[in-house]
N, C-alpha and C. Protein backbone atom coordinates (compact mmCIF):
# COMPACT_ATOMS: atom_id res chain seq x y z
N MET A 1 -73.65 64.41 -1.14
CA MET A 1 -73.45 65.01 0.47
C MET A 1 -74.77 64.56 1.34
N GLY A 2 -75.69 64.40 0.74
CA GLY A 2 -76.55 63.52 1.96
C GLY A 2 -75.64 62.58 2.76
N SER A 3 -75.30 61.92 2.00
CA SER A 3 -74.62 60.54 3.24
C SER A 3 -73.69 61.14 3.98
N PHE A 4 -72.92 62.68 4.45
CA PHE A 4 -72.22 62.50 4.71
C PHE A 4 -72.54 63.62 5.20
N ILE A 5 -73.96 64.73 5.40
CA ILE A 5 -74.06 65.09 6.51
C ILE A 5 -74.33 65.24 7.73
N PRO A 6 -75.01 64.21 7.98
CA PRO A 6 -75.31 63.43 9.32
C PRO A 6 -74.04 63.99 9.99
N ASP A 7 -72.84 63.57 9.62
CA ASP A 7 -72.22 63.46 10.61
C ASP A 7 -71.30 64.50 10.70
N ILE A 8 -72.08 66.07 10.32
CA ILE A 8 -71.88 67.28 10.50
C ILE A 8 -71.74 67.67 12.56
N GLU A 9 -73.03 66.98 12.53
CA GLU A 9 -73.07 67.52 14.14
C GLU A 9 -72.14 66.66 15.02
N VAL A 10 -71.16 65.51 14.78
CA VAL A 10 -70.48 64.76 15.36
C VAL A 10 -69.67 66.16 16.28
N PRO A 11 -68.46 66.77 15.27
CA PRO A 11 -67.31 67.36 15.57
C PRO A 11 -68.13 68.24 16.70
N ILE A 12 -69.38 68.79 16.19
CA ILE A 12 -70.11 70.43 16.79
C ILE A 12 -70.38 70.11 18.21
N LEU A 13 -71.50 68.22 18.25
CA LEU A 13 -71.23 68.56 20.08
C LEU A 13 -70.46 67.58 20.48
N MET A 14 -69.47 67.38 20.46
CA MET A 14 -68.36 67.16 20.93
C MET A 14 -67.62 68.19 21.67
N ILE A 15 -67.39 69.22 20.92
CA ILE A 15 -66.93 70.56 21.06
C ILE A 15 -67.60 71.37 21.86
N PHE A 16 -68.97 71.80 21.47
CA PHE A 16 -69.72 72.56 21.98
C PHE A 16 -70.70 71.81 23.42
N PHE A 17 -70.52 70.44 23.63
CA PHE A 17 -71.30 69.89 24.22
C PHE A 17 -70.91 68.60 24.86
N ASN A 18 -69.55 68.27 24.84
CA ASN A 18 -68.84 66.85 25.42
C ASN A 18 -69.39 66.74 26.23
N GLY A 19 -69.71 65.24 26.25
CA GLY A 19 -70.07 64.81 28.35
C GLY A 19 -71.88 65.38 27.93
N VAL A 20 -72.07 66.39 27.98
CA VAL A 20 -73.32 66.53 27.84
C VAL A 20 -74.29 65.86 27.39
N LEU A 21 -74.31 65.75 25.99
CA LEU A 21 -74.64 65.43 24.72
C LEU A 21 -73.63 64.05 24.09
N PRO A 22 -74.98 63.38 23.46
CA PRO A 22 -74.19 62.04 22.85
C PRO A 22 -74.11 62.70 21.89
N ASP A 23 -73.12 62.04 20.73
CA ASP A 23 -72.24 62.08 19.74
C ASP A 23 -72.99 62.21 18.51
N HIS A 24 -74.35 61.39 18.86
CA HIS A 24 -75.18 61.58 17.64
C HIS A 24 -76.35 61.91 18.03
N PHE A 25 -77.22 62.93 17.27
CA PHE A 25 -78.47 63.77 18.50
C PHE A 25 -79.42 63.88 16.96
N ILE A 26 -79.80 64.75 16.86
CA ILE A 26 -80.98 64.83 15.95
C ILE A 26 -80.65 64.62 14.79
N LEU A 27 -79.30 65.22 14.11
CA LEU A 27 -79.34 64.57 12.67
C LEU A 27 -79.21 63.27 11.95
N HIS A 28 -78.70 62.29 13.90
CA HIS A 28 -79.43 60.99 13.32
C HIS A 28 -80.50 60.81 13.95
N SER A 29 -81.88 60.99 13.52
CA SER A 29 -82.48 60.64 13.62
C SER A 29 -83.57 60.77 12.23
N LEU A 30 -84.74 60.03 11.59
CA LEU A 30 -85.38 59.95 11.11
C LEU A 30 -85.94 60.70 10.50
N ILE A 31 -86.39 61.72 11.93
CA ILE A 31 -86.65 63.58 11.53
C ILE A 31 -86.19 64.29 11.09
N GLY A 32 -84.77 64.60 11.76
CA GLY A 32 -83.20 65.15 11.48
C GLY A 32 -83.35 65.47 10.51
N ALA A 33 -83.19 63.96 9.73
CA ALA A 33 -82.59 63.33 8.74
C ALA A 33 -83.43 63.80 7.43
N LEU A 34 -84.65 63.87 7.92
CA LEU A 34 -85.52 64.03 6.57
C LEU A 34 -86.18 65.42 6.62
N THR A 35 -85.88 66.62 7.77
CA THR A 35 -85.73 67.41 7.29
C THR A 35 -84.46 68.75 7.93
N ILE A 36 -83.77 68.98 8.61
CA ILE A 36 -82.53 69.65 9.12
C ILE A 36 -81.46 69.11 7.87
N GLY A 37 -81.41 67.36 8.00
CA GLY A 37 -80.34 66.46 7.18
C GLY A 37 -80.38 67.45 5.58
N THR A 38 -81.68 67.17 4.85
CA THR A 38 -81.99 67.39 4.01
C THR A 38 -81.46 68.56 3.49
N VAL A 39 -82.56 69.88 3.90
CA VAL A 39 -82.20 70.78 3.84
C VAL A 39 -80.63 71.03 3.54
N ILE A 40 -79.70 70.83 4.77
CA ILE A 40 -78.76 71.16 4.51
C ILE A 40 -77.55 70.98 3.52
N SER A 41 -77.88 69.17 3.72
CA SER A 41 -77.19 68.43 2.40
C SER A 41 -77.56 68.90 1.18
N THR A 42 -79.16 69.78 0.55
CA THR A 42 -79.29 70.34 -0.54
C THR A 42 -78.89 71.85 -0.46
N MET A 43 -78.50 72.10 0.87
CA MET A 43 -77.95 73.89 0.13
C MET A 43 -76.26 73.35 -0.15
N VAL A 44 -75.54 72.06 1.17
CA VAL A 44 -74.39 72.16 0.55
C VAL A 44 -74.27 72.32 -1.09
N THR A 45 -74.76 70.81 -1.66
CA THR A 45 -74.55 70.61 -3.02
C THR A 45 -74.33 71.44 -3.76
N VAL A 46 -75.64 72.28 -3.97
CA VAL A 46 -75.76 73.51 -5.23
C VAL A 46 -74.93 74.94 -4.87
N MET A 47 -74.88 75.26 -2.91
CA MET A 47 -74.15 75.74 -2.88
C MET A 47 -72.28 75.88 -3.06
N PHE A 48 -72.24 74.93 -2.64
CA PHE A 48 -70.17 74.71 -2.47
C PHE A 48 -70.50 73.68 -3.33
N TYR A 49 -70.66 72.38 -3.91
CA TYR A 49 -69.57 71.41 -3.87
C TYR A 49 -69.21 72.33 -5.57
N PRO A 50 -70.31 72.97 -6.53
CA PRO A 50 -69.59 72.29 -7.47
C PRO A 50 -68.18 73.66 -7.40
N PHE A 51 -68.11 73.79 -6.91
CA PHE A 51 -66.84 74.80 -6.49
C PHE A 51 -65.54 74.64 -5.66
N LEU A 52 -66.50 73.25 -5.08
CA LEU A 52 -64.89 72.19 -4.40
C LEU A 52 -64.72 70.99 -5.73
N THR A 53 -65.98 70.43 -6.22
CA THR A 53 -65.08 69.85 -7.61
C THR A 53 -64.27 70.43 -8.44
N SER A 54 -64.49 71.88 -9.01
CA SER A 54 -63.65 71.99 -9.40
C SER A 54 -62.10 72.40 -9.09
N LEU A 55 -62.09 72.70 -7.93
CA LEU A 55 -61.23 73.23 -6.95
C LEU A 55 -60.29 72.10 -7.10
N PHE A 56 -60.69 70.75 -6.74
CA PHE A 56 -60.19 69.77 -6.21
C PHE A 56 -59.73 69.13 -7.58
N PHE A 57 -60.74 68.50 -8.57
CA PHE A 57 -60.15 67.67 -9.45
C PHE A 57 -60.98 68.11 -10.89
N ARG A 58 -60.97 69.81 -10.87
CA ARG A 58 -60.63 70.44 -12.38
C ARG A 58 -61.34 69.64 -13.14
N ILE A 59 -62.40 69.82 -12.72
CA ILE A 59 -64.50 69.34 -13.72
C ILE A 59 -64.83 70.74 -14.13
N ASP A 60 -65.06 71.07 -14.88
CA ASP A 60 -65.53 72.51 -15.23
C ASP A 60 -66.66 72.51 -14.42
N ILE A 61 -66.61 73.63 -13.59
CA ILE A 61 -68.03 74.39 -12.91
C ILE A 61 -68.98 74.69 -13.50
N ASP A 62 -69.06 75.31 -14.42
CA ASP A 62 -70.34 75.03 -14.66
C ASP A 62 -70.67 73.71 -15.22
N LYS A 63 -70.21 72.90 -15.84
CA LYS A 63 -70.49 71.02 -16.22
C LYS A 63 -71.64 71.04 -14.84
N THR A 64 -70.59 71.49 -13.66
CA THR A 64 -71.57 70.85 -12.46
C THR A 64 -72.32 71.62 -12.29
N LYS A 65 -72.13 73.27 -12.25
CA LYS A 65 -73.46 74.35 -11.50
C LYS A 65 -75.04 73.57 -12.18
N GLU A 66 -74.48 73.04 -13.60
CA GLU A 66 -75.70 72.92 -14.14
C GLU A 66 -76.11 71.33 -13.40
N ILE A 67 -75.58 70.54 -13.20
CA ILE A 67 -76.10 69.53 -13.26
C ILE A 67 -76.54 69.46 -10.92
N CYS A 68 -76.41 70.33 -10.35
CA CYS A 68 -76.49 70.68 -8.93
C CYS A 68 -77.27 71.82 -9.04
N ARG A 69 -77.87 72.11 -9.50
CA ARG A 69 -78.73 73.31 -10.06
C ARG A 69 -80.12 72.60 -9.15
N LEU A 70 -80.92 73.53 -8.31
CA LEU A 70 -82.23 72.68 -6.95
C LEU A 70 -83.50 72.04 -7.48
N SER A 71 -83.60 70.79 -8.42
CA SER A 71 -84.49 69.91 -8.68
C SER A 71 -85.16 68.74 -7.41
N PRO A 72 -86.20 68.47 -7.82
CA PRO A 72 -86.64 67.44 -7.12
C PRO A 72 -85.71 66.18 -7.28
N ALA A 73 -85.22 65.44 -8.03
CA ALA A 73 -84.11 65.05 -7.75
C ALA A 73 -82.99 65.36 -6.98
N LEU A 74 -82.65 66.34 -7.05
CA LEU A 74 -81.31 66.38 -6.23
C LEU A 74 -81.63 66.49 -4.55
N VAL A 75 -82.87 66.99 -4.17
CA VAL A 75 -83.37 67.10 -2.80
C VAL A 75 -83.98 65.07 -2.58
N LEU A 76 -84.72 64.75 -3.60
CA LEU A 76 -84.98 63.42 -3.08
C LEU A 76 -83.30 62.57 -2.87
N SER A 77 -82.48 62.77 -3.49
CA SER A 77 -81.32 62.25 -3.41
C SER A 77 -80.61 62.39 -2.10
N CYS A 78 -80.53 63.84 -1.42
CA CYS A 78 -79.62 64.35 -0.81
C CYS A 78 -80.54 63.52 0.71
N MET A 79 -81.88 63.53 0.80
CA MET A 79 -82.58 62.52 1.93
C MET A 79 -82.31 61.80 1.66
N LEU A 80 -82.29 60.73 0.86
CA LEU A 80 -82.65 59.38 0.90
C LEU A 80 -80.61 58.99 0.91
N GLY A 81 -79.89 60.14 0.93
CA GLY A 81 -78.37 59.91 1.71
C GLY A 81 -78.24 59.92 3.05
N ASN A 82 -78.79 60.93 3.38
CA ASN A 82 -78.92 61.55 5.24
C ASN A 82 -79.62 59.87 5.53
N ILE A 83 -80.82 59.91 5.13
CA ILE A 83 -81.33 58.37 5.38
C ILE A 83 -80.47 57.38 5.54
N PHE A 84 -79.74 57.12 4.43
CA PHE A 84 -79.12 55.70 4.15
C PHE A 84 -78.42 55.87 5.29
N HIS A 85 -77.52 56.94 5.53
CA HIS A 85 -76.31 56.62 6.67
C HIS A 85 -76.99 56.78 7.80
N ILE A 86 -77.90 57.12 8.57
CA ILE A 86 -78.30 56.61 10.10
C ILE A 86 -78.62 55.09 10.27
N LEU A 87 -79.64 54.57 9.17
CA LEU A 87 -79.60 53.11 8.18
C LEU A 87 -78.60 52.07 9.12
N LEU A 88 -77.66 53.11 8.19
CA LEU A 88 -76.05 52.01 7.82
C LEU A 88 -75.47 52.14 9.89
N ASP A 89 -75.74 53.63 10.20
CA ASP A 89 -74.69 53.77 11.90
C ASP A 89 -75.82 52.54 12.97
N VAL A 90 -76.86 52.40 12.18
CA VAL A 90 -77.89 51.39 13.32
C VAL A 90 -76.91 50.68 13.93
N PRO A 91 -76.52 49.69 13.34
CA PRO A 91 -75.26 48.96 13.82
C PRO A 91 -73.46 49.28 14.34
N MET A 92 -73.20 50.38 14.01
CA MET A 92 -72.03 50.42 14.12
C MET A 92 -72.04 51.88 15.76
N HIS A 93 -72.76 51.68 15.91
CA HIS A 93 -73.06 52.40 17.42
C HIS A 93 -73.59 51.89 18.01
N PRO A 94 -73.17 52.48 19.92
CA PRO A 94 -73.99 52.45 20.73
C PRO A 94 -75.27 52.63 21.12
N PHE A 95 -75.55 54.14 20.78
CA PHE A 95 -76.16 55.04 20.99
C PHE A 95 -76.79 55.45 20.10
N ASN A 96 -78.15 55.23 19.13
CA ASN A 96 -78.57 55.69 18.37
C ASN A 96 -79.97 55.84 18.53
N PRO A 97 -80.13 57.42 18.06
CA PRO A 97 -81.66 58.31 18.25
C PRO A 97 -81.88 58.26 17.12
N VAL A 98 -82.33 56.97 16.63
CA VAL A 98 -83.22 56.94 14.67
C VAL A 98 -84.57 57.11 15.31
N LEU A 99 -85.33 56.94 15.92
CA LEU A 99 -86.74 57.11 16.56
C LEU A 99 -87.07 58.16 17.45
N TRP A 100 -85.93 58.71 17.42
CA TRP A 100 -86.20 60.22 18.50
C TRP A 100 -87.11 61.31 17.61
N PRO A 101 -88.16 61.93 18.29
CA PRO A 101 -88.97 62.04 19.53
C PRO A 101 -89.38 61.29 20.10
N PHE A 102 -89.98 59.96 19.59
CA PHE A 102 -91.05 58.91 19.33
C PHE A 102 -90.36 57.72 20.96
N VAL A 103 -89.10 57.22 20.83
CA VAL A 103 -88.62 56.16 21.61
C VAL A 103 -87.80 57.34 21.88
N ASP A 104 -87.60 57.01 23.32
CA ASP A 104 -86.11 57.23 24.07
C ASP A 104 -84.63 56.87 23.24
N PRO A 105 -84.05 57.06 23.23
CA PRO A 105 -82.53 56.28 22.47
C PRO A 105 -82.24 55.67 23.16
N TYR A 106 -82.16 56.20 24.44
CA TYR A 106 -81.57 55.25 26.13
C TYR A 106 -82.66 53.84 26.07
N SER A 107 -83.51 53.13 25.24
CA SER A 107 -84.47 52.54 25.78
C SER A 107 -83.82 51.94 24.98
N ILE A 108 -83.75 51.74 24.07
CA ILE A 108 -83.39 50.84 23.18
C ILE A 108 -81.11 50.63 22.79
N VAL A 109 -80.91 51.43 24.02
CA VAL A 109 -79.52 51.23 22.77
C VAL A 109 -78.77 49.46 23.71
N GLY A 110 -79.46 48.50 24.98
CA GLY A 110 -78.95 47.44 25.48
C GLY A 110 -78.93 46.48 23.68
N PHE A 111 -80.51 46.23 23.41
CA PHE A 111 -80.78 45.38 22.19
C PHE A 111 -79.92 46.07 20.98
N LEU A 112 -79.89 47.10 21.14
CA LEU A 112 -78.93 46.83 19.48
C LEU A 112 -77.39 46.51 19.99
N VAL A 113 -76.81 46.92 21.52
CA VAL A 113 -75.36 46.43 21.13
C VAL A 113 -75.71 44.83 21.27
N ILE A 114 -76.96 44.32 21.85
CA ILE A 114 -77.05 42.48 21.93
C ILE A 114 -77.29 41.95 20.50
N VAL A 115 -77.98 42.61 19.58
CA VAL A 115 -77.91 42.16 18.67
C VAL A 115 -76.73 42.32 17.47
N PHE A 116 -75.64 43.43 17.73
CA PHE A 116 -74.78 43.46 17.00
C PHE A 116 -73.29 43.98 17.50
N SER A 117 -73.93 43.44 18.57
CA SER A 117 -71.62 42.78 18.91
C SER A 117 -71.93 41.43 19.05
N VAL A 118 -70.35 41.50 19.22
CA VAL A 118 -69.57 39.77 20.19
C VAL A 118 -68.94 40.40 20.88
N ASP A 119 -69.28 39.42 22.39
CA ASP A 119 -67.98 40.00 23.17
C ASP A 119 -68.03 41.21 24.02
N GLY A 120 -68.87 42.36 23.52
CA GLY A 120 -68.99 43.20 23.84
C GLY A 120 -67.70 44.36 23.01
N SER A 121 -67.01 43.77 22.39
CA SER A 121 -65.92 44.44 21.88
C SER A 121 -65.77 44.32 20.35
N PHE A 122 -66.38 43.85 19.86
CA PHE A 122 -66.31 43.91 18.53
C PHE A 122 -67.11 44.12 17.15
N SER A 123 -67.90 45.44 17.20
CA SER A 123 -69.12 45.66 16.73
C SER A 123 -68.98 44.63 15.30
N LEU A 124 -69.88 43.68 14.60
CA LEU A 124 -70.74 42.78 13.95
C LEU A 124 -70.49 43.68 13.23
N GLY A 125 -71.73 44.62 13.26
CA GLY A 125 -72.41 45.25 12.56
C GLY A 125 -71.24 46.35 11.92
N PHE A 126 -70.13 46.72 12.22
CA PHE A 126 -69.01 48.13 11.64
C PHE A 126 -68.07 46.78 10.85
N LEU A 127 -68.64 45.60 11.04
CA LEU A 127 -67.29 44.48 9.90
C LEU A 127 -68.54 44.42 8.95
N ILE A 128 -69.49 44.50 8.70
CA ILE A 128 -70.22 43.58 7.58
C ILE A 128 -70.74 45.16 6.90
N ALA A 129 -71.29 46.81 7.24
CA ALA A 129 -71.26 47.81 6.73
C ALA A 129 -69.93 48.38 6.41
N ASN A 130 -69.34 47.72 6.51
CA ASN A 130 -67.47 48.24 5.88
C ASN A 130 -67.19 47.70 4.75
N ILE A 131 -68.03 45.79 4.80
CA ILE A 131 -68.05 44.97 3.34
C ILE A 131 -68.56 45.71 2.87
N LEU A 132 -69.98 45.84 2.98
CA LEU A 132 -71.06 46.19 1.99
C LEU A 132 -70.83 47.41 1.26
N ASN A 133 -69.92 48.26 2.10
CA ASN A 133 -69.75 49.46 1.48
C ASN A 133 -67.84 49.07 0.76
N ASN A 134 -67.33 48.20 1.13
CA ASN A 134 -66.44 48.46 -0.01
C ASN A 134 -66.64 47.64 -1.52
N VAL A 135 -68.05 46.63 -0.63
CA VAL A 135 -68.49 45.96 -2.23
C VAL A 135 -68.98 46.55 -2.82
N ILE A 136 -70.02 47.44 -2.74
CA ILE A 136 -70.55 48.51 -3.33
C ILE A 136 -70.00 49.19 -4.30
N THR A 137 -68.84 50.23 -3.43
CA THR A 137 -67.74 50.37 -3.90
C THR A 137 -67.72 50.16 -5.17
N GLY A 138 -66.76 49.18 -4.51
CA GLY A 138 -65.35 48.88 -5.86
C GLY A 138 -66.87 47.94 -7.44
N LEU A 139 -67.76 47.44 -6.89
CA LEU A 139 -68.38 47.25 -7.81
C LEU A 139 -68.66 49.08 -8.98
N LEU A 140 -69.37 49.97 -8.76
CA LEU A 140 -69.90 51.16 -8.58
C LEU A 140 -68.69 51.92 -9.74
N MET A 141 -66.99 51.55 -8.88
CA MET A 141 -66.14 51.57 -9.76
C MET A 141 -65.81 51.26 -10.67
N LEU A 142 -66.32 49.75 -10.84
CA LEU A 142 -65.62 48.99 -11.74
C LEU A 142 -66.52 48.79 -13.16
N ALA A 143 -67.51 49.51 -12.90
CA ALA A 143 -69.10 49.75 -14.05
C ALA A 143 -68.69 51.03 -14.82
N ILE A 144 -68.54 51.85 -13.62
CA ILE A 144 -67.80 53.65 -14.49
C ILE A 144 -66.46 53.09 -15.12
N MET A 145 -65.99 52.49 -14.69
CA MET A 145 -64.35 52.36 -15.57
C MET A 145 -64.52 52.58 -16.47
N ILE A 146 -65.54 50.69 -16.53
CA ILE A 146 -65.80 49.89 -17.62
C ILE A 146 -66.12 50.71 -18.90
N LYS A 147 -67.58 51.36 -18.64
CA LYS A 147 -68.09 52.24 -19.25
C LYS A 147 -67.35 53.49 -19.75
N SER A 148 -67.03 53.26 -19.37
CA SER A 148 -66.08 54.62 -20.37
C SER A 148 -64.47 54.89 -18.89
N ARG A 149 -63.63 55.16 -19.69
CA ARG A 149 -62.63 55.56 -19.33
C ARG A 149 -61.97 56.57 -18.73
N LYS A 150 -62.67 57.31 -19.94
CA LYS A 150 -62.32 59.21 -20.73
C LYS A 150 -63.27 59.80 -19.56
N ASN A 151 -62.95 60.96 -19.05
CA ASN A 151 -63.17 61.50 -17.55
C ASN A 151 -63.94 61.32 -16.53
N LEU A 152 -62.96 60.04 -16.19
CA LEU A 152 -63.44 58.82 -14.62
C LEU A 152 -64.04 60.18 -13.60
N TRP A 153 -63.06 60.54 -13.09
CA TRP A 153 -63.41 61.49 -11.97
C TRP A 153 -64.73 62.58 -12.34
N GLU A 154 -64.76 62.96 -13.71
CA GLU A 154 -66.57 63.87 -14.01
C GLU A 154 -67.76 62.71 -14.15
N GLN A 155 -67.03 61.45 -14.04
CA GLN A 155 -68.28 60.57 -13.99
C GLN A 155 -68.80 59.73 -12.70
N ILE A 156 -67.30 60.25 -12.43
CA ILE A 156 -68.02 59.43 -10.78
C ILE A 156 -68.64 61.15 -9.83
N LEU A 157 -67.86 61.82 -9.98
CA LEU A 157 -68.60 63.16 -9.27
C LEU A 157 -69.66 63.94 -9.64
N ILE A 158 -70.10 64.28 -10.86
CA ILE A 158 -71.70 64.74 -11.22
C ILE A 158 -71.89 63.54 -11.84
N GLY A 159 -71.27 62.64 -12.49
CA GLY A 159 -72.70 61.63 -13.13
C GLY A 159 -72.53 61.52 -14.92
N ARG A 160 -72.16 62.71 -15.71
CA ARG A 160 -72.66 62.78 -16.64
C ARG A 160 -71.05 63.22 -17.39
N ILE A 161 -70.67 62.46 -18.86
CA ILE A 161 -69.57 62.81 -19.58
C ILE A 161 -69.91 63.19 -20.88
N TYR A 162 -69.76 64.97 -20.89
CA TYR A 162 -69.88 65.95 -22.18
C TYR A 162 -68.68 65.61 -23.08
N SER A 163 -68.78 65.87 -24.27
CA SER A 163 -68.28 65.61 -25.04
C SER A 163 -67.68 66.82 -25.55
């Protein structure tokens, strides 16, 4: 959940502040990811994730609730998901308030565009991030499938197979 939560601000900012504020703001900063993003993703994981996995993937809701209970490991996982999301976004978007409020995001835009783009039209960072994402996801799926073919969705979504 942590890796998805920073992007919930994008549609909200576009609907309510279109043109006034950029589409990445507080949740795409380190401070926002460590605080607000971690709290939101932890709450969503504890309150909604068990129901949604049960509804869409027919995984026993009690097993998922047991895994998704509030714990230091869950909070750390949500925090890391938020941080990795915003760090992977750096080469993919020309505006990144990663160091906000300490560094003005507009002062580093030119540097990021020069470093991570080719001819200003093709984002090299986007290509690299997508390749890395696909390779890591593929290797993870392969490892899970090799380890156990029983209850694949349960293994992927909650991480444990119960007998």
